[in-house]
């Protein structure tokens, strides 16, 4: 049986590999992240990397797990930060933006995997992540509609799509511009436009 010290060392090394993937994805894009580059960035051999993950897909699944845990954790915490739906939406929007700013490799990896042809375990994991995110968002939007703080005929499904799309658009534009700085500068204004859009007719 492995000793607690060995298990802790293994968990730490796996976490370091995940972080290396995120860092490399932020620098040059996920398509260029190979196990050779991961090993070089960590001053390891590829064999050392594969001692902790049997395949490249296993590495990507671990990265997806990390994104799920940290992004969904931030979104869930934001959704519980207030009893007022509009304040919850604002906190969730801000939490997602902050996550993208702190971990720019994460949205790049999400976009990259969803664009790949066919199906894979990694793509399914990311779709599940986005489904959980959407579920939390829909709860808040439906509550906002019930309390009549948004339009009484608001389509919550469409509003959820627009919410996520606004963030993805901000992140994508900043990526094309070569950095994430534009996200922070534009986020508040974009969210206010979003609120105007879902306000609609009140009862």
C-alpha atoms as a PDB file:
ATOM      1  CA  UNK A   1       0.000   0.000   0.000  1.00  0.00           C
ATOM      2  CA  UNK A   2       1.255   3.493  -0.829  1.00  0.00           C
ATOM      3  CA  UNK A   3       2.229   5.600   2.134  1.00  0.00           C
ATOM      4  CA  UNK A   4       0.361   8.891   2.843  1.00  0.00           C
ATOM      5  CA  UNK A   5       3.549  10.749   1.867  1.00  0.00           C
ATOM      6  CA  UNK A   6       3.622   9.065  -1.562  1.00  0.00           C
ATOM      7  CA  UNK A   7      -0.091   9.744  -2.141  1.00  0.00           C
ATOM      8  CA  UNK A   8       0.353  13.416  -1.237  1.00  0.00           C
ATOM      9  CA  UNK A   9       3.339  13.649  -3.571  1.00  0.00           C
ATOM     10  CA  UNK A  10       1.333  12.084  -6.402  1.00  0.00           C
ATOM     11  CA  UNK A  11      -1.626  14.429  -5.870  1.00  0.00           C
ATOM     12  CA  UNK A  12       0.707  17.417  -5.806  1.00  0.00           C
ATOM     13  CA  UNK A  13       2.451  16.388  -9.022  1.00  0.00           C
ATOM     14  CA  UNK A  14      -0.883  15.800 -10.766  1.00  0.00           C
ATOM     15  CA  UNK A  15      -2.031  19.258  -9.689  1.00  0.00           C
ATOM     16  CA  UNK A  16       1.213  20.746 -11.020  1.00  0.00           C
ATOM     17  CA  UNK A  17       0.689  19.026 -14.380  1.00  0.00           C
ATOM     18  CA  UNK A  18      -2.854  20.424 -14.599  1.00  0.00           C
ATOM     19  CA  UNK A  19      -1.535  23.908 -13.856  1.00  0.00           C
ATOM     20  CA  UNK A  20       1.185  23.519 -16.468  1.00  0.00           C
ATOM     21  CA  UNK A  21      -1.449  22.661 -19.085  1.00  0.00           C
ATOM     22  CA  UNK A  22      -3.487  25.736 -18.153  1.00  0.00           C
ATOM     23  CA  UNK A  23      -0.395  27.947 -18.320  1.00  0.00           C
ATOM     24  CA  UNK A  24       0.665  26.575 -21.705  1.00  0.00           C
ATOM     25  CA  UNK A  25      -2.880  26.912 -23.076  1.00  0.00           C
ATOM     26  CA  UNK A  26      -2.901  30.560 -22.019  1.00  0.00           C
ATOM     27  CA  UNK A  27       0.459  31.204 -23.681  1.00  0.00           C
ATOM     28  CA  UNK A  28       0.021  29.594 -27.077  1.00  0.00           C
ATOM     29  CA  UNK A  29      -3.333  27.850 -27.288  1.00  0.00           C
ATOM     30  CA  UNK A  30      -4.459  24.305 -26.423  1.00  0.00           C
ATOM     31  CA  UNK A  31      -3.689  22.884 -29.870  1.00  0.00           C
ATOM     32  CA  UNK A  32       0.017  23.406 -29.195  1.00  0.00           C
ATOM     33  CA  UNK A  33       0.000  21.741 -25.775  1.00  0.00           C
ATOM     34  CA  UNK A  34       1.736  18.396 -26.128  1.00  0.00           C
ATOM     35  CA  UNK A  35       3.021  16.052 -23.460  1.00  0.00           C
ATOM     36  CA  UNK A  36       6.536  16.972 -24.593  1.00  0.00           C
ATOM     37  CA  UNK A  37       5.835  20.654 -23.930  1.00  0.00           C
ATOM     38  CA  UNK A  38       4.233  19.852 -20.586  1.00  0.00           C
ATOM     39  CA  UNK A  39       7.281  17.841 -19.566  1.00  0.00           C
ATOM     40  CA  UNK A  40       9.672  20.551 -20.742  1.00  0.00           C
ATOM     41  CA  UNK A  41       7.773  23.252 -18.865  1.00  0.00           C
ATOM     42  CA  UNK A  42       8.011  21.206 -15.680  1.00  0.00           C
ATOM     43  CA  UNK A  43      11.625  20.082 -16.290  1.00  0.00           C
ATOM     44  CA  UNK A  44      10.496  16.459 -16.381  1.00  0.00           C
ATOM     45  CA  UNK A  45      10.697  13.638 -18.893  1.00  0.00           C
ATOM     46  CA  UNK A  46       7.555  12.571 -20.726  1.00  0.00           C
ATOM     47  CA  UNK A  47       7.849   9.284 -18.883  1.00  0.00           C
ATOM     48  CA  UNK A  48       7.562  11.139 -15.588  1.00  0.00           C
ATOM     49  CA  UNK A  49       4.384  12.842 -16.797  1.00  0.00           C
ATOM     50  CA  UNK A  50       2.894   9.508 -17.866  1.00  0.00           C
ATOM     51  CA  UNK A  51       3.645   8.014 -14.460  1.00  0.00           C
ATOM     52  CA  UNK A  52       0.929  10.294 -13.110  1.00  0.00           C
ATOM     53  CA  UNK A  53      -1.457  10.169 -16.080  1.00  0.00           C
ATOM     54  CA  UNK A  54      -1.609   7.092 -18.336  1.00  0.00           C
ATOM     55  CA  UNK A  55      -2.685   9.024 -21.452  1.00  0.00           C
ATOM     56  CA  UNK A  56      -2.951  12.554 -22.786  1.00  0.00           C
ATOM     57  CA  UNK A  57      -6.741  12.276 -22.566  1.00  0.00           C
ATOM     58  CA  UNK A  58      -6.397  11.497 -18.866  1.00  0.00           C
ATOM     59  CA  UNK A  59      -4.486  14.768 -18.461  1.00  0.00           C
ATOM     60  CA  UNK A  60      -7.202  16.678 -20.303  1.00  0.00           C
ATOM     61  CA  UNK A  61      -9.898  15.045 -18.168  1.00  0.00           C
ATOM     62  CA  UNK A  62      -8.048  16.143 -15.038  1.00  0.00           C
ATOM     63  CA  UNK A  63      -7.905  19.692 -16.417  1.00  0.00           C
ATOM     64  CA  UNK A  64     -11.645  19.557 -17.162  1.00  0.00           C
ATOM     65  CA  UNK A  65     -12.253  18.336 -13.606  1.00  0.00           C
ATOM     66  CA  UNK A  66     -10.235  21.246 -12.252  1.00  0.00           C
ATOM     67  CA  UNK A  67     -12.171  23.759 -14.359  1.00  0.00           C
ATOM     68  CA  UNK A  68     -15.462  22.213 -13.279  1.00  0.00           C
ATOM     69  CA  UNK A  69     -14.580  22.312  -9.608  1.00  0.00           C
ATOM     70  CA  UNK A  70     -13.242  25.853  -9.626  1.00  0.00           C
ATOM     71  CA  UNK A  71     -15.563  27.571 -12.110  1.00  0.00           C
ATOM     72  CA  UNK A  72     -18.737  25.923 -10.845  1.00  0.00           C
ATOM     73  CA  UNK A  73     -17.614  26.515  -7.283  1.00  0.00           C
ATOM     74  CA  UNK A  74     -17.213  30.229  -8.000  1.00  0.00           C
ATOM     75  CA  UNK A  75     -20.580  30.407  -9.776  1.00  0.00           C
ATOM     76  CA  UNK A  76     -22.376  28.543  -7.000  1.00  0.00           C
ATOM     77  CA  UNK A  77     -20.827  30.765  -4.336  1.00  0.00           C
ATOM     78  CA  UNK A  78     -21.828  33.866  -6.306  1.00  0.00           C
ATOM     79  CA  UNK A  79     -25.397  32.599  -6.692  1.00  0.00           C
ATOM     80  CA  UNK A  80     -25.643  32.311  -2.906  1.00  0.00           C
ATOM     81  CA  UNK A  81     -24.128  35.721  -2.216  1.00  0.00           C
ATOM     82  CA  UNK A  82     -27.498  37.493  -2.136  1.00  0.00           C
ATOM     83  CA  UNK A  83     -31.206  36.769  -1.880  1.00  0.00           C
ATOM     84  CA  UNK A  84     -31.906  39.243  -4.694  1.00  0.00           C
ATOM     85  CA  UNK A  85     -31.884  37.685  -8.197  1.00  0.00           C
ATOM     86  CA  UNK A  86     -30.363  40.707  -9.968  1.00  0.00           C
ATOM     87  CA  UNK A  87     -27.554  40.877  -7.411  1.00  0.00           C
ATOM     88  CA  UNK A  88     -27.033  37.132  -7.881  1.00  0.00           C
ATOM     89  CA  UNK A  89     -26.800  37.527 -11.649  1.00  0.00           C
ATOM     90  CA  UNK A  90     -24.320  40.380 -11.282  1.00  0.00           C
ATOM     91  CA  UNK A  91     -22.190  38.330  -8.852  1.00  0.00           C
ATOM     92  CA  UNK A  92     -22.246  35.289 -11.164  1.00  0.00           C
ATOM     93  CA  UNK A  93     -21.252  37.399 -14.174  1.00  0.00           C
ATOM     94  CA  UNK A  94     -18.406  38.940 -12.196  1.00  0.00           C
ATOM     95  CA  UNK A  95     -17.292  35.561 -10.824  1.00  0.00           C
ATOM     96  CA  UNK A  96     -17.047  34.091 -14.318  1.00  0.00           C
ATOM     97  CA  UNK A  97     -15.111  37.103 -15.584  1.00  0.00           C
ATOM     98  CA  UNK A  98     -12.755  36.944 -12.601  1.00  0.00           C
ATOM     99  CA  UNK A  99     -12.184  33.227 -13.236  1.00  0.00           C
ATOM    100  CA  UNK A 100     -11.345  33.891 -16.892  1.00  0.00           C
ATOM    101  CA  UNK A 101      -8.940  36.662 -15.902  1.00  0.00           C
ATOM    102  CA  UNK A 102      -7.205  34.520 -13.289  1.00  0.00           C
ATOM    103  CA  UNK A 103      -7.042  31.412 -15.496  1.00  0.00           C
ATOM    104  CA  UNK A 104      -7.033  32.500 -19.161  1.00  0.00           C
ATOM    105  CA  UNK A 105      -6.049  29.025 -20.303  1.00  0.00           C
ATOM    106  CA  UNK A 106      -9.361  27.609 -19.048  1.00  0.00           C
ATOM    107  CA  UNK A 107     -11.730  29.323 -21.529  1.00  0.00           C
ATOM    108  CA  UNK A 108      -9.268  28.563 -24.316  1.00  0.00           C
ATOM    109  CA  UNK A 109      -9.406  24.873 -23.435  1.00  0.00           C
ATOM    110  CA  UNK A 110     -13.211  24.909 -23.261  1.00  0.00           C
ATOM    111  CA  UNK A 111     -13.526  26.552 -26.682  1.00  0.00           C
ATOM    112  CA  UNK A 112     -10.907  24.241 -28.154  1.00  0.00           C
ATOM    113  CA  UNK A 113     -12.517  21.014 -26.957  1.00  0.00           C
ATOM    114  CA  UNK A 114     -16.049  22.001 -27.978  1.00  0.00           C
ATOM    115  CA  UNK A 115     -14.796  22.744 -31.494  1.00  0.00           C
ATOM    116  CA  UNK A 116     -13.256  19.294 -31.958  1.00  0.00           C
ATOM    117  CA  UNK A 117     -15.048  16.901 -34.337  1.00  0.00           C
ATOM    118  CA  UNK A 118     -16.746  13.821 -32.987  1.00  0.00           C
ATOM    119  CA  UNK A 119     -17.277  12.977 -29.343  1.00  0.00           C
ATOM    120  CA  UNK A 120     -14.814  12.353 -26.535  1.00  0.00           C
ATOM    121  CA  UNK A 121     -14.763  11.900 -22.786  1.00  0.00           C
ATOM    122  CA  UNK A 122     -13.288  15.383 -22.411  1.00  0.00           C
ATOM    123  CA  UNK A 123     -15.985  17.001 -24.551  1.00  0.00           C
ATOM    124  CA  UNK A 124     -18.702  15.186 -22.594  1.00  0.00           C
ATOM    125  CA  UNK A 125     -17.193  16.382 -19.330  1.00  0.00           C
ATOM    126  CA  UNK A 126     -17.138  19.980 -20.532  1.00  0.00           C
ATOM    127  CA  UNK A 127     -20.714  19.746 -21.802  1.00  0.00           C
ATOM    128  CA  UNK A 128     -21.744  18.430 -18.377  1.00  0.00           C
ATOM    129  CA  UNK A 129     -19.918  21.336 -16.738  1.00  0.00           C
ATOM    130  CA  UNK A 130     -21.750  23.844 -18.922  1.00  0.00           C
ATOM    131  CA  UNK A 131     -25.036  22.064 -18.255  1.00  0.00           C
ATOM    132  CA  UNK A 132     -24.563  22.402 -14.498  1.00  0.00           C
ATOM    133  CA  UNK A 133     -23.643  26.066 -14.930  1.00  0.00           C
ATOM    134  CA  UNK A 134     -26.757  26.618 -17.023  1.00  0.00           C
ATOM    135  CA  UNK A 135     -28.922  24.869 -14.430  1.00  0.00           C
ATOM    136  CA  UNK A 136     -27.802  27.253 -11.691  1.00  0.00           C
ATOM    137  CA  UNK A 137     -28.307  30.229 -13.981  1.00  0.00           C
ATOM    138  CA  UNK A 138     -31.811  29.116 -14.952  1.00  0.00           C
ATOM    139  CA  UNK A 139     -32.830  28.851 -11.302  1.00  0.00           C
ATOM    140  CA  UNK A 140     -31.824  32.457 -10.694  1.00  0.00           C
ATOM    141  CA  UNK A 141     -33.488  33.730 -13.880  1.00  0.00           C
ATOM    142  CA  UNK A 142     -36.748  31.936 -13.100  1.00  0.00           C
ATOM    143  CA  UNK A 143     -36.695  33.379  -9.595  1.00  0.00           C
ATOM    144  CA  UNK A 144     -36.161  36.851 -11.080  1.00  0.00           C
ATOM    145  CA  UNK A 145     -39.167  36.331 -13.331  1.00  0.00           C
ATOM    146  CA  UNK A 146     -41.343  35.072 -10.483  1.00  0.00           C
ATOM    147  CA  UNK A 147     -40.445  38.102  -8.380  1.00  0.00           C
ATOM    148  CA  UNK A 148     -41.146  40.324 -11.396  1.00  0.00           C
ATOM    149  CA  UNK A 149     -37.774  42.064 -11.307  1.00  0.00           C
ATOM    150  CA  UNK A 150     -37.335  41.211 -14.993  1.00  0.00           C
ATOM    151  CA  UNK A 151     -39.805  41.053 -17.848  1.00  0.00           C
ATOM    152  CA  UNK A 152     -42.844  38.936 -16.967  1.00  0.00           C
ATOM    153  CA  UNK A 153     -42.621  37.135 -20.313  1.00  0.00           C
ATOM    154  CA  UNK A 154     -38.871  36.537 -20.107  1.00  0.00           C
ATOM    155  CA  UNK A 155     -37.764  33.286 -21.752  1.00  0.00           C
ATOM    156  CA  UNK A 156     -35.307  31.995 -19.143  1.00  0.00           C
ATOM    157  CA  UNK A 157     -33.663  29.577 -21.588  1.00  0.00           C
ATOM    158  CA  UNK A 158     -32.906  32.361 -24.040  1.00  0.00           C
ATOM    159  CA  UNK A 159     -31.752  34.666 -21.246  1.00  0.00           C
ATOM    160  CA  UNK A 160     -29.362  31.984 -19.989  1.00  0.00           C
ATOM    161  CA  UNK A 161     -27.932  31.550 -23.486  1.00  0.00           C
ATOM    162  CA  UNK A 162     -27.445  35.302 -23.792  1.00  0.00           C
ATOM    163  CA  UNK A 163     -25.765  35.506 -20.348  1.00  0.00           C
ATOM    164  CA  UNK A 164     -23.164  32.857 -21.192  1.00  0.00           C
ATOM    165  CA  UNK A 165     -22.795  34.171 -24.734  1.00  0.00           C
ATOM    166  CA  UNK A 166     -22.020  37.671 -23.490  1.00  0.00           C
ATOM    167  CA  UNK A 167     -19.169  36.347 -21.357  1.00  0.00           C
ATOM    168  CA  UNK A 168     -17.874  34.096 -24.135  1.00  0.00           C
ATOM    169  CA  UNK A 169     -17.972  37.024 -26.546  1.00  0.00           C
ATOM    170  CA  UNK A 170     -15.973  39.225 -24.181  1.00  0.00           C
ATOM    171  CA  UNK A 171     -13.386  36.513 -23.643  1.00  0.00           C
ATOM    172  CA  UNK A 172     -13.126  35.676 -27.342  1.00  0.00           C
ATOM    173  CA  UNK A 173     -12.676  39.310 -28.389  1.00  0.00           C
ATOM    174  CA  UNK A 174      -9.939  39.755 -25.794  1.00  0.00           C
ATOM    175  CA  UNK A 175      -8.195  36.596 -27.004  1.00  0.00           C
ATOM    176  CA  UNK A 176      -8.246  37.920 -30.553  1.00  0.00           C
ATOM    177  CA  UNK A 177      -6.824  41.202 -29.280  1.00  0.00           C
ATOM    178  CA  UNK A 178      -3.955  39.317 -27.662  1.00  0.00           C
ATOM    179  CA  UNK A 179      -4.846  39.538 -23.984  1.00  0.00           C
ATOM    180  CA  UNK A 180      -7.551  39.446 -21.345  1.00  0.00           C
ATOM    181  CA  UNK A 181      -7.342  43.073 -20.231  1.00  0.00           C
ATOM    182  CA  UNK A 182     -10.304  44.116 -22.375  1.00  0.00           C
ATOM    183  CA  UNK A 183     -12.591  41.714 -20.541  1.00  0.00           C
ATOM    184  CA  UNK A 184     -12.318  43.558 -17.247  1.00  0.00           C
ATOM    185  CA  UNK A 185     -12.697  46.959 -18.869  1.00  0.00           C
ATOM    186  CA  UNK A 186     -15.882  46.006 -20.741  1.00  0.00           C
ATOM    187  CA  UNK A 187     -17.575  43.559 -18.374  1.00  0.00           C
ATOM    188  CA  UNK A 188     -19.647  46.014 -16.362  1.00  0.00           C
ATOM    189  CA  UNK A 189     -20.997  47.792 -19.414  1.00  0.00           C
ATOM    190  CA  UNK A 190     -21.874  44.535 -21.137  1.00  0.00           C
ATOM    191  CA  UNK A 191     -23.707  43.309 -18.051  1.00  0.00           C
ATOM    192  CA  UNK A 192     -25.747  46.521 -17.887  1.00  0.00           C
ATOM    193  CA  UNK A 193     -26.760  46.025 -21.523  1.00  0.00           C
ATOM    194  CA  UNK A 194     -27.752  42.453 -20.633  1.00  0.00           C
ATOM    195  CA  UNK A 195     -29.916  43.686 -17.767  1.00  0.00           C
ATOM    196  CA  UNK A 196     -31.610  46.163 -20.066  1.00  0.00           C
ATOM    197  CA  UNK A 197     -32.354  43.347 -22.469  1.00  0.00           C
ATOM    198  CA  UNK A 198     -34.020  41.080 -19.884  1.00  0.00           C
ATOM    199  CA  UNK A 199     -35.924  43.899 -18.144  1.00  0.00           C
ATOM    200  CA  UNK A 200     -38.695  43.810 -20.733  1.00  0.00           C
ATOM    201  CA  UNK A 201     -42.212  44.552 -19.601  1.00  0.00           C
ATOM    202  CA  UNK A 202     -42.924  44.460 -15.900  1.00  0.00           C
ATOM    203  CA  UNK A 203     -46.208  43.357 -14.377  1.00  0.00           C
END
